[in-house]
N, C-alpha and C. Protein backbone atom coordinates (compact mmCIF):
# COMPACT_ATOMS: atom_id res chain seq x y z
N MET A 1 151.52 37.11 105.81
CA MET A 1 153.06 37.17 104.63
C MET A 1 154.57 36.68 106.10
N ASP A 2 154.92 36.14 105.77
CA ASP A 2 156.68 35.61 106.60
C ASP A 2 157.48 36.54 106.11
N PHE A 3 157.71 37.16 107.00
CA PHE A 3 159.16 37.95 106.30
C PHE A 3 160.17 37.76 106.35
N TYR A 4 160.18 36.10 107.59
CA TYR A 4 161.57 35.05 107.27
C TYR A 4 161.85 35.04 105.93
N ILE A 5 160.84 34.23 105.20
CA ILE A 5 160.52 33.54 103.58
C ILE A 5 160.90 34.90 102.33
N VAL A 6 160.91 36.47 103.40
CA VAL A 6 160.60 37.03 102.21
C VAL A 6 162.59 37.11 102.43
N LEU A 7 163.11 37.16 103.33
CA LEU A 7 164.15 37.25 103.57
C LEU A 7 165.32 36.65 103.09
N ILE A 8 164.68 35.11 103.27
CA ILE A 8 165.06 34.14 102.48
C ILE A 8 165.32 33.84 100.83
N CYS A 9 164.29 34.51 100.82
CA CYS A 9 164.41 34.44 99.32
C CYS A 9 164.93 35.70 98.42
N PHE A 10 164.74 37.33 98.90
CA PHE A 10 165.26 38.30 98.51
C PHE A 10 166.71 37.80 97.46
N PRO A 11 167.90 37.45 98.65
CA PRO A 11 169.38 37.38 98.07
C PRO A 11 169.27 35.95 97.57
N ILE A 12 168.46 35.20 97.39
CA ILE A 12 168.73 33.65 96.95
C ILE A 12 168.51 34.70 94.98
N ILE A 13 167.12 35.69 95.42
CA ILE A 13 166.86 35.97 93.52
C ILE A 13 167.89 37.29 93.13
N PHE A 14 168.46 38.42 94.07
CA PHE A 14 169.07 38.62 93.70
C PHE A 14 170.09 37.85 93.40
N LEU A 15 170.99 37.37 93.68
CA LEU A 15 172.47 36.46 92.66
C LEU A 15 171.86 36.07 91.70
N GLY A 16 170.63 35.36 91.95
CA GLY A 16 170.32 34.85 90.75
C GLY A 16 170.24 35.60 89.15
N GLU A 17 170.10 36.81 89.25
CA GLU A 17 169.33 37.56 88.58
C GLU A 17 170.95 38.67 88.42
N LEU A 18 171.06 38.96 89.13
CA LEU A 18 172.54 39.71 88.53
C LEU A 18 173.33 39.93 87.63
N PRO A 19 173.97 38.53 87.72
CA PRO A 19 174.66 38.81 86.03
C PRO A 19 173.87 37.91 84.84
N ASP A 20 172.76 38.31 84.97
CA ASP A 20 171.74 37.64 84.08
C ASP A 20 171.33 38.96 82.92
N LYS A 21 170.51 37.73 81.87
CA LYS A 21 170.96 38.76 80.18
C LYS A 21 169.89 39.68 80.37
N THR A 22 168.64 39.74 81.38
CA THR A 22 167.51 40.47 81.71
C THR A 22 168.25 41.98 82.49
N MET A 23 169.20 41.93 82.95
CA MET A 23 170.13 42.76 83.52
C MET A 23 170.87 43.84 82.17
N PHE A 24 171.43 42.82 81.68
CA PHE A 24 172.47 43.50 80.27
C PHE A 24 171.23 44.03 79.36
N ALA A 25 170.05 43.73 78.92
CA ALA A 25 169.12 44.19 78.52
C ALA A 25 168.96 45.27 79.11
N ASN A 26 168.10 45.47 80.51
CA ASN A 26 167.89 46.62 81.03
C ASN A 26 168.57 47.76 80.77
N LEU A 27 170.29 47.21 81.11
CA LEU A 27 171.57 48.70 80.89
C LEU A 27 171.05 49.10 79.43
N LEU A 28 170.88 48.39 78.25
CA LEU A 28 171.21 48.83 76.98
C LEU A 28 170.04 49.55 76.86
N MET A 29 168.67 48.94 77.58
CA MET A 29 167.34 49.88 76.75
C MET A 29 167.73 51.44 77.20
N ALA A 30 168.11 51.09 78.64
CA ALA A 30 168.74 52.50 79.50
C ALA A 30 169.13 53.68 79.30
N THR A 31 169.77 52.91 77.64
CA THR A 31 171.17 54.17 77.49
C THR A 31 170.13 54.89 76.11
N ARG A 32 169.23 53.86 75.79
CA ARG A 32 168.24 54.53 74.63
C ARG A 32 167.32 55.46 75.09
N GLY A 33 166.49 55.41 76.22
CA GLY A 33 165.78 55.59 76.92
C GLY A 33 164.78 56.33 78.37
N ARG A 34 164.11 56.91 78.86
CA ARG A 34 164.52 57.40 80.28
C ARG A 34 164.86 56.25 81.35
N PRO A 35 165.55 56.26 82.27
CA PRO A 35 165.49 55.21 82.79
C PRO A 35 164.41 54.62 83.74
N VAL A 36 163.78 55.76 84.05
CA VAL A 36 162.74 54.99 85.11
C VAL A 36 161.68 54.63 84.72
N LEU A 37 161.36 55.31 82.83
CA LEU A 37 160.07 54.49 82.71
C LEU A 37 160.94 52.89 81.52
N VAL A 38 162.30 52.86 81.46
CA VAL A 38 162.54 51.80 81.01
C VAL A 38 162.53 50.49 82.55
N TRP A 39 162.19 51.27 83.65
CA TRP A 39 162.31 50.30 85.17
C TRP A 39 161.16 50.09 85.25
N LEU A 40 159.70 50.74 84.71
CA LEU A 40 158.77 50.56 85.51
C LEU A 40 157.94 50.03 84.61
N GLY A 41 158.40 49.70 82.80
CA GLY A 41 158.51 48.22 82.06
C GLY A 41 159.31 47.26 82.08
N ALA A 42 160.42 47.34 82.68
CA ALA A 42 160.88 45.99 83.39
C ALA A 42 159.99 45.71 84.36
N ALA A 43 160.00 46.40 85.78
CA ALA A 43 159.72 46.08 87.38
C ALA A 43 157.51 45.12 86.50
N ALA A 44 157.41 45.47 85.60
CA ALA A 44 156.15 45.63 85.71
C ALA A 44 155.79 43.90 84.47
N GLY A 45 157.46 43.85 83.99
CA GLY A 45 157.28 42.72 83.06
C GLY A 45 158.20 41.70 84.60
N PHE A 46 158.25 41.62 85.41
CA PHE A 46 158.86 40.63 86.40
C PHE A 46 158.28 40.35 87.17
N THR A 47 157.34 41.90 86.79
CA THR A 47 155.91 40.96 88.65
C THR A 47 154.62 39.82 87.66
N VAL A 48 154.33 40.04 86.89
CA VAL A 48 154.05 39.07 85.87
C VAL A 48 154.71 37.79 86.19
N HIS A 49 156.33 37.56 85.93
CA HIS A 49 157.03 36.51 85.70
C HIS A 49 156.75 35.85 87.11
N VAL A 50 156.68 36.28 87.91
CA VAL A 50 156.69 36.04 89.32
C VAL A 50 155.54 35.92 89.87
N VAL A 51 154.10 36.25 89.42
CA VAL A 51 152.88 35.85 89.50
C VAL A 51 152.99 34.46 88.97
N ILE A 52 153.29 34.09 87.96
CA ILE A 52 152.64 33.22 86.94
C ILE A 52 154.13 31.70 87.87
N ALA A 53 155.12 32.62 88.17
CA ALA A 53 156.14 31.75 88.89
C ALA A 53 155.56 31.17 90.34
N VAL A 54 155.35 31.81 91.12
CA VAL A 54 153.89 31.83 92.53
C VAL A 54 153.34 30.44 92.19
N ALA A 55 152.52 30.95 91.09
CA ALA A 55 150.95 30.28 90.53
C ALA A 55 151.15 29.14 90.43
N ALA A 56 152.44 28.72 89.61
CA ALA A 56 152.32 27.28 88.68
C ALA A 56 152.91 26.69 89.57
N GLY A 57 154.04 27.78 90.56
CA GLY A 57 154.86 26.28 91.67
C GLY A 57 156.08 25.30 90.57
N SER A 58 156.58 24.54 91.33
CA SER A 58 157.10 23.44 89.74
C SER A 58 156.43 22.78 88.84
N VAL A 59 155.16 23.29 88.76
CA VAL A 59 154.10 21.64 87.49
C VAL A 59 154.71 22.12 86.03
N LEU A 60 154.54 23.62 85.92
CA LEU A 60 154.60 23.80 84.39
C LEU A 60 156.41 23.36 84.22
N PHE A 61 157.58 23.64 85.23
CA PHE A 61 158.70 22.78 84.21
C PHE A 61 159.05 21.52 84.31
N HIS A 62 157.80 21.13 84.63
CA HIS A 62 157.01 18.94 85.09
C HIS A 62 156.78 18.67 83.35
N LEU A 63 156.05 19.87 82.87
CA LEU A 63 155.13 19.94 82.05
C LEU A 63 155.73 19.75 80.59
N VAL A 64 156.83 20.82 80.27
CA VAL A 64 157.34 21.69 79.63
C VAL A 64 158.56 20.77 79.54
N PRO A 65 159.50 20.15 78.59
CA PRO A 65 160.55 19.92 78.62
C PRO A 65 161.65 20.94 79.34
N ARG A 66 162.14 21.30 79.99
CA ARG A 66 163.58 22.25 79.81
C ARG A 66 164.19 22.48 79.06
N ARG A 67 164.71 21.14 78.00
CA ARG A 67 164.95 21.12 76.02
C ARG A 67 164.89 22.79 75.99
N TYR A 68 163.06 22.26 75.37
CA TYR A 68 162.40 23.54 75.34
C TYR A 68 162.04 24.65 74.80
N VAL A 69 162.49 24.48 76.36
CA VAL A 69 162.52 26.35 76.28
C VAL A 69 163.46 26.67 76.38
N GLU A 70 165.17 25.81 76.41
CA GLU A 70 165.99 26.67 76.52
C GLU A 70 166.70 26.45 75.12
N LEU A 71 166.20 26.09 74.20
CA LEU A 71 165.89 26.29 72.77
C LEU A 71 165.24 27.10 72.23
N VAL A 72 164.16 27.77 72.77
CA VAL A 72 163.50 28.99 72.69
C VAL A 72 164.06 30.13 72.71
N VAL A 73 164.45 30.03 74.46
CA VAL A 73 165.67 31.14 74.88
C VAL A 73 166.95 31.11 74.27
N ALA A 74 167.29 29.98 74.01
CA ALA A 74 168.60 30.26 72.82
C ALA A 74 168.69 30.85 71.36
N ALA A 75 167.94 30.78 70.88
CA ALA A 75 167.20 31.08 69.72
C ALA A 75 166.46 32.63 69.78
N LEU A 76 165.66 33.59 70.81
CA LEU A 76 165.77 34.60 71.38
C LEU A 76 167.24 35.26 71.43
N PHE A 77 168.30 34.88 71.43
CA PHE A 77 169.30 35.58 72.01
C PHE A 77 170.02 35.66 71.13
N LEU A 78 169.88 34.74 70.74
CA LEU A 78 170.48 34.89 68.84
C LEU A 78 169.42 36.21 67.51
N PHE A 79 168.36 35.83 67.87
CA PHE A 79 168.09 37.08 67.07
C PHE A 79 168.49 38.33 67.65
N GLY A 80 168.52 38.46 69.63
CA GLY A 80 168.65 39.93 70.01
C GLY A 80 170.50 39.80 69.19
N ALA A 81 170.36 39.34 68.89
CA ALA A 81 172.47 39.65 68.45
C ALA A 81 172.85 39.95 67.47
N VAL A 82 171.97 39.48 66.43
CA VAL A 82 172.28 39.59 65.00
C VAL A 82 171.06 41.44 65.18
N TYR A 83 170.57 41.35 65.55
CA TYR A 83 169.83 42.40 65.72
C TYR A 83 170.80 44.41 66.39
N ALA A 84 171.07 43.81 67.62
CA ALA A 84 172.47 44.87 68.53
C ALA A 84 173.73 44.86 67.28
N TRP A 85 173.68 43.33 66.62
CA TRP A 85 175.24 44.16 65.83
C TRP A 85 174.35 44.42 64.30
N ARG A 86 173.96 45.17 63.40
CA ARG A 86 172.80 45.27 62.76
C ARG A 86 172.67 46.56 63.13
N GLU A 87 172.02 47.43 64.49
CA GLU A 87 172.09 48.10 65.05
C GLU A 87 173.18 48.96 65.44
N GLY A 88 174.45 48.01 65.80
CA GLY A 88 175.89 49.10 65.72
C GLY A 88 176.48 49.12 64.24
N THR A 89 176.43 48.32 63.37
CA THR A 89 176.76 48.95 62.60
C THR A 89 176.42 49.69 61.00
N LYS A 90 174.67 50.19 61.52
CA LYS A 90 174.43 50.95 60.37
C LYS A 90 175.07 52.64 60.86
N PRO A 91 174.98 53.12 59.58
CA PRO A 91 175.60 54.24 59.40
C PRO A 91 174.76 55.50 60.42
N GLY A 92 176.03 56.04 61.19
CA GLY A 92 174.90 57.58 61.77
C GLY A 92 174.79 56.77 63.10
N GLY A 93 174.72 55.68 63.41
CA GLY A 93 174.68 55.11 64.56
C GLY A 93 174.57 55.36 66.13
N GLU A 94 175.54 56.64 66.07
CA GLU A 94 176.49 57.56 66.83
C GLU A 94 175.32 58.67 67.20
N ARG A 95 174.60 58.66 66.60
CA ARG A 95 173.57 59.85 66.97
C ARG A 95 172.30 59.54 67.63
N ALA A 96 171.95 59.99 68.51
CA ALA A 96 170.90 59.95 69.36
C ALA A 96 169.47 59.45 69.09
N ALA A 97 169.29 58.62 69.18
CA ALA A 97 167.43 57.99 68.88
C ALA A 97 166.42 58.56 68.65
N PRO A 98 165.95 58.98 68.08
CA PRO A 98 164.43 59.74 68.55
C PRO A 98 163.81 59.54 68.91
N PRO A 99 163.38 60.59 69.66
CA PRO A 99 162.56 60.19 71.18
C PRO A 99 161.31 59.73 71.25
N ARG A 100 160.57 58.18 72.19
CA ARG A 100 159.75 57.59 72.05
C ARG A 100 159.08 58.34 72.81
N ARG A 101 158.02 58.08 72.29
CA ARG A 101 156.68 58.27 73.53
C ARG A 101 156.81 57.87 74.68
N TRP A 102 156.29 57.80 75.84
CA TRP A 102 156.92 57.24 77.36
C TRP A 102 156.58 55.75 77.86
N HIS A 103 155.17 55.43 76.39
CA HIS A 103 154.48 54.31 76.95
C HIS A 103 154.84 53.49 75.77
N GLY A 104 155.68 53.86 74.68
CA GLY A 104 156.87 53.00 73.87
C GLY A 104 158.07 52.78 74.14
N THR A 105 158.50 53.07 75.52
CA THR A 105 159.86 52.59 76.79
C THR A 105 159.50 51.52 77.44
N VAL A 106 157.97 51.90 77.81
CA VAL A 106 157.61 51.18 78.61
C VAL A 106 157.48 49.70 78.43
N LEU A 107 156.34 49.83 77.26
CA LEU A 107 155.98 48.91 76.30
C LEU A 107 157.39 47.55 75.99
N THR A 108 158.37 48.08 75.23
CA THR A 108 158.57 48.03 75.00
C THR A 108 159.63 47.09 76.28
N ALA A 109 160.34 47.91 76.97
CA ALA A 109 160.88 47.19 78.49
C ALA A 109 160.05 46.30 78.79
N PHE A 110 158.48 46.53 79.46
CA PHE A 110 158.19 45.16 79.55
C PHE A 110 158.42 43.95 78.28
N ALA A 111 157.97 43.97 77.13
CA ALA A 111 158.50 42.98 76.02
C ALA A 111 159.17 42.02 76.34
N VAL A 112 160.54 42.64 76.39
CA VAL A 112 161.73 42.51 76.14
C VAL A 112 162.00 41.69 77.74
N ILE A 113 162.10 42.14 78.88
CA ILE A 113 161.93 41.19 80.07
C ILE A 113 160.89 40.17 80.01
N PHE A 114 160.02 40.36 79.26
CA PHE A 114 158.50 39.36 79.53
C PHE A 114 158.77 37.75 79.25
N LEU A 115 159.02 38.67 77.50
CA LEU A 115 159.98 37.03 76.89
C LEU A 115 161.09 36.39 76.93
N ALA A 116 162.12 37.34 77.54
CA ALA A 116 163.49 37.23 78.53
C ALA A 116 163.61 36.19 79.55
N GLU A 117 162.49 35.88 80.38
CA GLU A 117 162.25 35.41 81.57
C GLU A 117 161.95 33.90 81.89
N TRP A 118 160.92 33.50 80.03
CA TRP A 118 160.60 32.33 80.38
C TRP A 118 161.99 31.21 81.03
N GLY A 119 161.35 30.89 81.27
CA GLY A 119 161.71 29.48 82.21
C GLY A 119 163.84 29.93 82.68
N ASP A 120 163.58 31.44 82.39
CA ASP A 120 165.04 31.43 83.15
C ASP A 120 165.53 31.35 84.41
N LEU A 121 166.50 31.54 85.25
CA LEU A 121 166.81 30.31 86.74
C LEU A 121 166.51 31.18 87.64
N THR A 122 165.90 32.50 87.64
CA THR A 122 165.00 32.85 88.76
C THR A 122 163.63 33.06 88.38
N GLN A 123 163.09 32.50 87.57
CA GLN A 123 161.48 32.32 87.49
C GLN A 123 161.98 30.41 88.40
N ILE A 124 162.49 29.79 87.36
CA ILE A 124 162.76 28.75 88.25
C ILE A 124 162.81 28.60 89.21
N LEU A 125 163.37 29.22 90.38
CA LEU A 125 164.11 29.38 91.27
C LEU A 125 163.21 30.12 92.19
N THR A 126 162.01 30.93 91.53
CA THR A 126 160.81 31.50 91.88
C THR A 126 159.54 30.57 92.38
N ALA A 127 159.73 29.81 91.23
CA ALA A 127 158.54 28.25 91.37
C ALA A 127 159.18 27.05 92.49
N ASN A 128 159.96 27.46 92.34
CA ASN A 128 160.59 26.20 93.34
C ASN A 128 160.56 26.40 95.11
N LEU A 129 161.07 28.18 95.04
CA LEU A 129 160.49 28.90 96.44
C LEU A 129 159.19 29.01 96.68
N ALA A 130 158.32 28.65 95.47
CA ALA A 130 156.69 29.06 96.26
C ALA A 130 156.91 27.11 96.88
N ALA A 131 156.48 26.20 96.09
CA ALA A 131 156.72 25.22 96.02
C ALA A 131 157.13 24.79 97.26
N ARG A 132 157.92 25.08 98.03
CA ARG A 132 158.84 24.64 98.72
C ARG A 132 158.09 25.11 100.80
N TYR A 133 157.82 26.84 100.69
CA TYR A 133 158.24 27.28 101.49
C TYR A 133 155.96 27.28 101.47
N HIS A 134 155.44 27.41 100.40
CA HIS A 134 153.87 27.51 100.56
C HIS A 134 153.37 28.87 101.34
N SER A 135 154.21 29.93 100.89
CA SER A 135 153.83 31.07 101.11
C SER A 135 154.03 31.62 99.67
N PRO A 136 152.95 31.49 99.13
CA PRO A 136 153.63 32.96 98.01
C PRO A 136 153.10 34.06 98.05
N LEU A 137 152.67 34.96 98.89
CA LEU A 137 152.45 36.05 99.07
C LEU A 137 154.06 36.31 99.04
N SER A 138 154.51 35.60 100.68
CA SER A 138 156.11 36.13 101.11
C SER A 138 157.27 36.16 99.75
N VAL A 139 157.08 34.52 99.07
CA VAL A 139 157.93 34.50 97.66
C VAL A 139 157.91 35.12 97.02
N ALA A 140 156.81 35.40 96.81
CA ALA A 140 156.40 36.82 95.47
C ALA A 140 156.66 38.12 95.92
N VAL A 141 156.76 38.21 97.16
CA VAL A 141 157.40 40.07 98.11
C VAL A 141 158.95 39.87 97.65
N GLY A 142 159.51 38.75 98.29
CA GLY A 142 161.39 38.87 98.15
C GLY A 142 161.49 38.54 96.86
N SER A 143 160.67 37.81 96.27
CA SER A 143 161.74 38.00 94.54
C SER A 143 161.04 38.64 93.85
N LEU A 144 159.96 39.77 93.83
CA LEU A 144 159.55 41.40 93.45
C LEU A 144 160.85 42.34 93.83
N LEU A 145 161.20 41.81 95.37
CA LEU A 145 161.58 42.99 95.73
C LEU A 145 163.11 43.19 94.99
N ALA A 146 163.43 41.37 94.91
CA ALA A 146 165.19 41.00 94.29
C ALA A 146 165.00 41.81 92.90
N LEU A 147 164.17 41.55 91.90
CA LEU A 147 164.04 41.35 90.70
C LEU A 147 164.64 42.64 90.40
N TRP A 148 163.51 43.96 91.13
CA TRP A 148 163.13 45.48 90.93
C TRP A 148 164.51 45.33 91.32
N THR A 149 165.66 45.56 92.12
CA THR A 149 166.16 45.98 92.50
C THR A 149 167.71 45.83 91.64
N VAL A 150 167.76 44.88 91.50
CA VAL A 150 168.36 44.12 89.77
C VAL A 150 168.24 45.41 88.49
N ALA A 151 166.68 45.56 88.62
CA ALA A 151 166.87 46.63 87.32
C ALA A 151 167.12 48.09 87.35
N ILE A 152 167.22 48.15 89.27
CA ILE A 152 167.46 49.43 89.20
C ILE A 152 168.54 50.08 89.30
N LEU A 153 169.16 48.91 89.34
CA LEU A 153 170.79 49.02 89.35
C LEU A 153 171.24 49.63 87.85
N ALA A 154 170.72 48.36 87.43
CA ALA A 154 170.90 48.29 85.65
C ALA A 154 170.31 49.41 84.93
N VAL A 155 169.43 50.02 84.83
CA VAL A 155 168.94 50.70 84.36
C VAL A 155 169.94 52.67 85.00
N ALA A 156 170.24 52.93 86.07
CA ALA A 156 171.18 53.53 86.78
C ALA A 156 172.56 53.21 85.83
N SER A 157 172.51 52.11 85.70
CA SER A 157 174.54 51.78 84.75
C SER A 157 174.02 52.50 83.63
N GLY A 158 173.13 52.09 83.11
CA GLY A 158 173.10 52.21 81.23
C GLY A 158 173.33 53.56 81.14
N GLN A 159 172.58 55.39 81.88
CA GLN A 159 173.29 56.67 81.49
C GLN A 159 174.68 56.43 81.67
N ALA A 160 175.08 56.07 83.23
CA ALA A 160 176.05 56.45 83.44
C ALA A 160 177.35 55.42 82.06
N VAL A 161 177.05 54.18 81.54
CA VAL A 161 178.10 54.01 80.91
C VAL A 161 178.49 55.14 79.53
N LEU A 162 177.02 55.83 78.67
CA LEU A 162 177.00 56.27 78.06
C LEU A 162 178.33 57.29 77.84
N ARG A 163 178.58 57.21 79.49
CA ARG A 163 180.30 58.55 79.66
C ARG A 163 180.92 57.78 79.06
N PHE A 164 181.30 56.88 79.17
CA PHE A 164 182.31 55.97 78.89
C PHE A 164 182.79 54.98 77.55
N ALA A 165 181.30 54.80 76.91
CA ALA A 165 181.48 54.39 75.70
C ALA A 165 180.44 54.67 74.94
N SER A 166 180.71 54.33 73.79
CA SER A 166 179.78 55.01 72.49
C SER A 166 178.29 53.98 72.01
N ILE A 167 177.82 54.46 72.14
CA ILE A 167 176.38 53.60 71.33
C ILE A 167 176.64 52.32 70.50
N THR A 168 177.78 52.87 69.29
CA THR A 168 177.78 51.77 68.78
C THR A 168 178.32 50.64 69.25
N MET A 169 179.84 50.75 70.34
CA MET A 169 180.11 49.98 71.03
C MET A 169 179.41 49.25 71.97
N ILE A 170 178.68 49.50 72.58
CA ILE A 170 177.55 48.80 73.60
C ILE A 170 176.79 48.04 72.53
N ARG A 171 175.91 48.48 72.01
CA ARG A 171 175.40 47.97 70.77
C ARG A 171 176.39 46.55 70.00
N LYS A 172 177.28 46.60 69.31
CA LYS A 172 178.66 45.60 69.46
C LYS A 172 178.68 44.12 70.75
N VAL A 173 179.20 44.84 71.72
CA VAL A 173 179.21 44.38 72.89
C VAL A 173 178.35 43.82 73.51
N THR A 174 177.10 44.23 73.01
CA THR A 174 175.66 43.46 73.44
C THR A 174 175.55 43.06 72.94
N ALA A 175 175.55 42.55 70.87
CA ALA A 175 175.66 41.32 70.69
C ALA A 175 176.46 40.51 70.61
N VAL A 176 177.59 40.43 70.87
CA VAL A 176 178.28 39.37 70.92
C VAL A 176 177.97 38.56 72.62
N ILE A 177 178.06 39.31 73.61
CA ILE A 177 177.52 38.55 74.53
C ILE A 177 176.07 37.91 74.47
N LEU A 178 174.93 38.33 73.91
CA LEU A 178 173.68 37.29 73.27
C LEU A 178 174.28 36.52 72.51
N LEU A 179 175.11 36.88 71.19
CA LEU A 179 175.51 35.56 70.52
C LEU A 179 176.22 34.70 71.88
N GLY A 180 177.06 34.33 72.71
CA GLY A 180 177.58 34.01 73.69
C GLY A 180 176.96 32.89 74.17
N LEU A 181 175.63 33.69 74.39
CA LEU A 181 174.31 33.32 75.26
C LEU A 181 173.29 32.39 75.11
N ALA A 182 173.34 32.86 73.94
CA ALA A 182 172.56 31.45 72.51
C ALA A 182 173.60 30.35 72.45
N VAL A 183 174.71 30.72 72.36
CA VAL A 183 175.53 29.01 71.96
C VAL A 183 175.97 28.69 73.45
N TYR A 184 175.35 29.11 74.85
CA TYR A 184 175.68 28.71 75.91
C TYR A 184 174.61 27.60 75.93
N THR A 185 173.68 28.90 75.92
CA THR A 185 172.00 27.85 76.25
C THR A 185 171.41 26.88 75.10
N ALA A 186 172.39 27.41 73.94
CA ALA A 186 171.77 25.89 73.18
C ALA A 186 172.41 24.62 73.23
N TRP A 187 173.93 24.68 73.91
CA TRP A 187 174.89 23.63 74.33
C TRP A 187 173.77 23.35 75.90
N GLU A 188 173.27 24.34 76.29
CA GLU A 188 173.00 23.61 77.78
C GLU A 188 171.22 22.36 77.64
N ALA A 189 171.03 23.31 76.25
CA ALA A 189 169.46 22.50 76.56
C ALA A 189 170.54 21.15 75.58
N LEU A 190 171.18 21.03 75.02
CA LEU A 190 171.21 19.34 74.52
C LEU A 190 172.02 18.90 75.11
N HIS A 191 172.60 19.44 76.12
CA HIS A 191 173.36 18.22 76.53
C HIS A 191 173.07 17.87 77.83
């Protein structure tokens, strides 16, 4: 393993993921579930994507036109926006959600991250870094550490956000953000 490559990859992936949709997803999930369980599921989802990105290098993105990947991601954002808005407007939305079993929280976080990361900037960056540096383990370690760090920041923030905002407000704001991301992603895919 080349620690120089790890140190190059970490800030690139960290900055790419910091304002990303999956950070908002982790933050929202942490308002409903135990943060450590949300992080475990997210970390597993990120791990699978880093393995795929490093293994595929940039080949996958040459086979599937980026436009189609972005349109699928836009549709997922739109679905998420509608779902979040509906949850935020349900009567009794301020009540705490019934406790989930630990595996339900972990699996939900894994599924959300696994689906949201397809064609994501950090997945593409990881694939490109792996193709450039020809050091899959170093790129994987640097990328994973960055993604896991952002997930830790997001889940830690999720519980703090509840002190200042209601669950209903968080869901509605999330819906608006997801709708904006859906429109932006679709616009990027079509232009």
